[in-house]
Amino acid sequence: MEGLAQALGRTIREKRKEKGYSQEAFALAVGIDRSYMGRIERGEVNITVAKLYTMARILGYTPADLLTGLEANDRFEDETD
């Protein structure tokens, strides 16, 4: 079962690639390290709402656009443990 962080990371990666950003260029635009960007895209970390807004703005989306459809996936694992 996929966790919420993994689903969001996958969506961010897809949108980044659609817009033609390399991982390094996108990380630079967001103001984070490329390795941290990789961890976000793999769902290894949870991002702040502020980072979600920044990423969405740079990609030309709203935060809601990046979150839409996540709830339609299979049930998410409880990531609070």
C-alpha atoms as a PDB file:
ATOM      1  CA  MET A   1       0.000   0.000   0.000  1.00  0.00           C
ATOM      2  CA  GLU A   2       1.308   3.453  -0.906  1.00  0.00           C
ATOM      3  CA  GLY A   3       1.649   6.174   1.695  1.00  0.00           C
ATOM      4  CA  LEU A   4       0.513   9.746   1.266  1.00  0.00           C
ATOM      5  CA  ALA A   5       4.092  11.060   1.074  1.00  0.00           C
ATOM      6  CA  GLN A   6       4.887   8.561  -1.700  1.00  0.00           C
ATOM      7  CA  ALA A   7       1.768   9.495  -3.676  1.00  0.00           C
ATOM      8  CA  LEU A   8       2.452  13.222  -3.363  1.00  0.00           C
ATOM      9  CA  GLY A   9       6.111  12.721  -4.276  1.00  0.00           C
ATOM     10  CA  ARG A  10       5.132  10.752  -7.366  1.00  0.00           C
ATOM     11  CA  THR A  11       2.726  13.525  -8.408  1.00  0.00           C
ATOM     12  CA  ILE A  12       5.373  16.209  -7.906  1.00  0.00           C
ATOM     13  CA  ARG A  13       7.869  14.195  -9.985  1.00  0.00           C
ATOM     14  CA  GLU A  14       5.327  13.730 -12.806  1.00  0.00           C
ATOM     15  CA  LYS A  15       4.419  17.436 -12.885  1.00  0.00           C
ATOM     16  CA  ARG A  16       8.094  18.476 -12.725  1.00  0.00           C
ATOM     17  CA  LYS A  17       8.933  16.274 -15.700  1.00  0.00           C
ATOM     18  CA  GLU A  18       5.883  17.502 -17.644  1.00  0.00           C
ATOM     19  CA  LYS A  19       7.181  21.065 -17.231  1.00  0.00           C
ATOM     20  CA  GLY A  20      10.665  20.051 -18.390  1.00  0.00           C
ATOM     21  CA  TYR A  21      12.532  20.682 -15.147  1.00  0.00           C
ATOM     22  CA  SER A  22      15.467  18.513 -14.203  1.00  0.00           C
ATOM     23  CA  GLN A  23      15.446  17.494 -10.572  1.00  0.00           C
ATOM     24  CA  GLU A  24      18.453  19.742  -9.941  1.00  0.00           C
ATOM     25  CA  ALA A  25      16.951  22.808 -11.658  1.00  0.00           C
ATOM     26  CA  PHE A  26      13.641  22.382  -9.858  1.00  0.00           C
ATOM     27  CA  ALA A  27      15.330  21.950  -6.479  1.00  0.00           C
ATOM     28  CA  LEU A  28      17.320  25.130  -7.104  1.00  0.00           C
ATOM     29  CA  ALA A  29      14.137  27.045  -8.003  1.00  0.00           C
ATOM     30  CA  VAL A  30      12.419  25.757  -4.848  1.00  0.00           C
ATOM     31  CA  GLY A  31      15.444  26.602  -2.707  1.00  0.00           C
ATOM     32  CA  ILE A  32      16.314  23.101  -1.530  1.00  0.00           C
ATOM     33  CA  ASP A  33      19.142  20.646  -2.123  1.00  0.00           C
ATOM     34  CA  ARG A  34      18.796  18.212  -5.036  1.00  0.00           C
ATOM     35  CA  SER A  35      19.219  15.230  -2.729  1.00  0.00           C
ATOM     36  CA  TYR A  36      16.358  16.496  -0.551  1.00  0.00           C
ATOM     37  CA  MET A  37      14.232  16.883  -3.687  1.00  0.00           C
ATOM     38  CA  GLY A  38      14.920  13.236  -4.460  1.00  0.00           C
ATOM     39  CA  ARG A  39      13.816  12.250  -0.973  1.00  0.00           C
ATOM     40  CA  ILE A  40      10.577  14.221  -1.437  1.00  0.00           C
ATOM     41  CA  GLU A  41       9.874  12.546  -4.774  1.00  0.00           C
ATOM     42  CA  ARG A  42      10.507   9.102  -3.277  1.00  0.00           C
ATOM     43  CA  GLY A  43       8.168   9.899  -0.388  1.00  0.00           C
ATOM     44  CA  GLU A  44      10.868   9.535   2.236  1.00  0.00           C
ATOM     45  CA  VAL A  45      10.031  12.863   3.901  1.00  0.00           C
ATOM     46  CA  ASN A  46       6.918  14.926   4.527  1.00  0.00           C
ATOM     47  CA  ILE A  47       7.035  18.440   3.126  1.00  0.00           C
ATOM     48  CA  THR A  48       5.697  21.569   4.762  1.00  0.00           C
ATOM     49  CA  VAL A  49       2.650  23.370   3.446  1.00  0.00           C
ATOM     50  CA  ALA A  50       4.935  26.286   2.565  1.00  0.00           C
ATOM     51  CA  LYS A  51       7.101  24.020   0.354  1.00  0.00           C
ATOM     52  CA  LEU A  52       3.982  22.575  -1.271  1.00  0.00           C
ATOM     53  CA  TYR A  53       2.820  26.104  -2.152  1.00  0.00           C
ATOM     54  CA  THR A  54       6.268  27.022  -3.500  1.00  0.00           C
ATOM     55  CA  MET A  55       6.500  23.899  -5.651  1.00  0.00           C
ATOM     56  CA  ALA A  56       2.972  24.346  -6.973  1.00  0.00           C
ATOM     57  CA  ARG A  57       3.584  28.004  -7.874  1.00  0.00           C
ATOM     58  CA  ILE A  58       6.823  27.222  -9.715  1.00  0.00           C
ATOM     59  CA  LEU A  59       5.112  24.430 -11.647  1.00  0.00           C
ATOM     60  CA  GLY A  60       2.138  26.643 -12.516  1.00  0.00           C
ATOM     61  CA  TYR A  61      -0.368  24.748 -10.394  1.00  0.00           C
ATOM     62  CA  THR A  62      -2.248  25.323  -7.174  1.00  0.00           C
ATOM     63  CA  PRO A  63      -1.478  23.179  -4.140  1.00  0.00           C
ATOM     64  CA  ALA A  64      -4.938  21.669  -4.587  1.00  0.00           C
ATOM     65  CA  ASP A  65      -3.958  20.557  -8.098  1.00  0.00           C
ATOM     66  CA  LEU A  66      -1.056  18.575  -6.650  1.00  0.00           C
ATOM     67  CA  LEU A  67      -3.284  17.018  -3.995  1.00  0.00           C
ATOM     68  CA  THR A  68      -6.277  16.262  -6.221  1.00  0.00           C
ATOM     69  CA  GLY A  69      -6.691  12.580  -6.813  1.00  0.00           C
ATOM     70  CA  LEU A  70      -4.480  11.481  -3.937  1.00  0.00           C
ATOM     71  CA  GLU A  71      -7.544  10.529  -1.919  1.00  0.00           C
ATOM     72  CA  ALA A  72      -8.765   8.481  -4.882  1.00  0.00           C
ATOM     73  CA  ASN A  73      -5.801   6.124  -4.508  1.00  0.00           C
ATOM     74  CA  ASP A  74      -6.024   3.011  -2.401  1.00  0.00           C
ATOM     75  CA  ARG A  75      -6.143   3.601   1.317  1.00  0.00           C
ATOM     76  CA  PHE A  76      -2.955   5.166   2.573  1.00  0.00           C
ATOM     77  CA  GLU A  77      -0.760   3.626   5.195  1.00  0.00           C
ATOM     78  CA  ASP A  78      -0.860   5.339   8.563  1.00  0.00           C
ATOM     79  CA  GLU A  79       2.302   7.441   8.514  1.00  0.00           C
ATOM     80  CA  THR A  80       2.089   8.583  12.130  1.00  0.00           C
ATOM     81  CA  ASP A  81       3.897   5.554  13.565  1.00  0.00           C
END
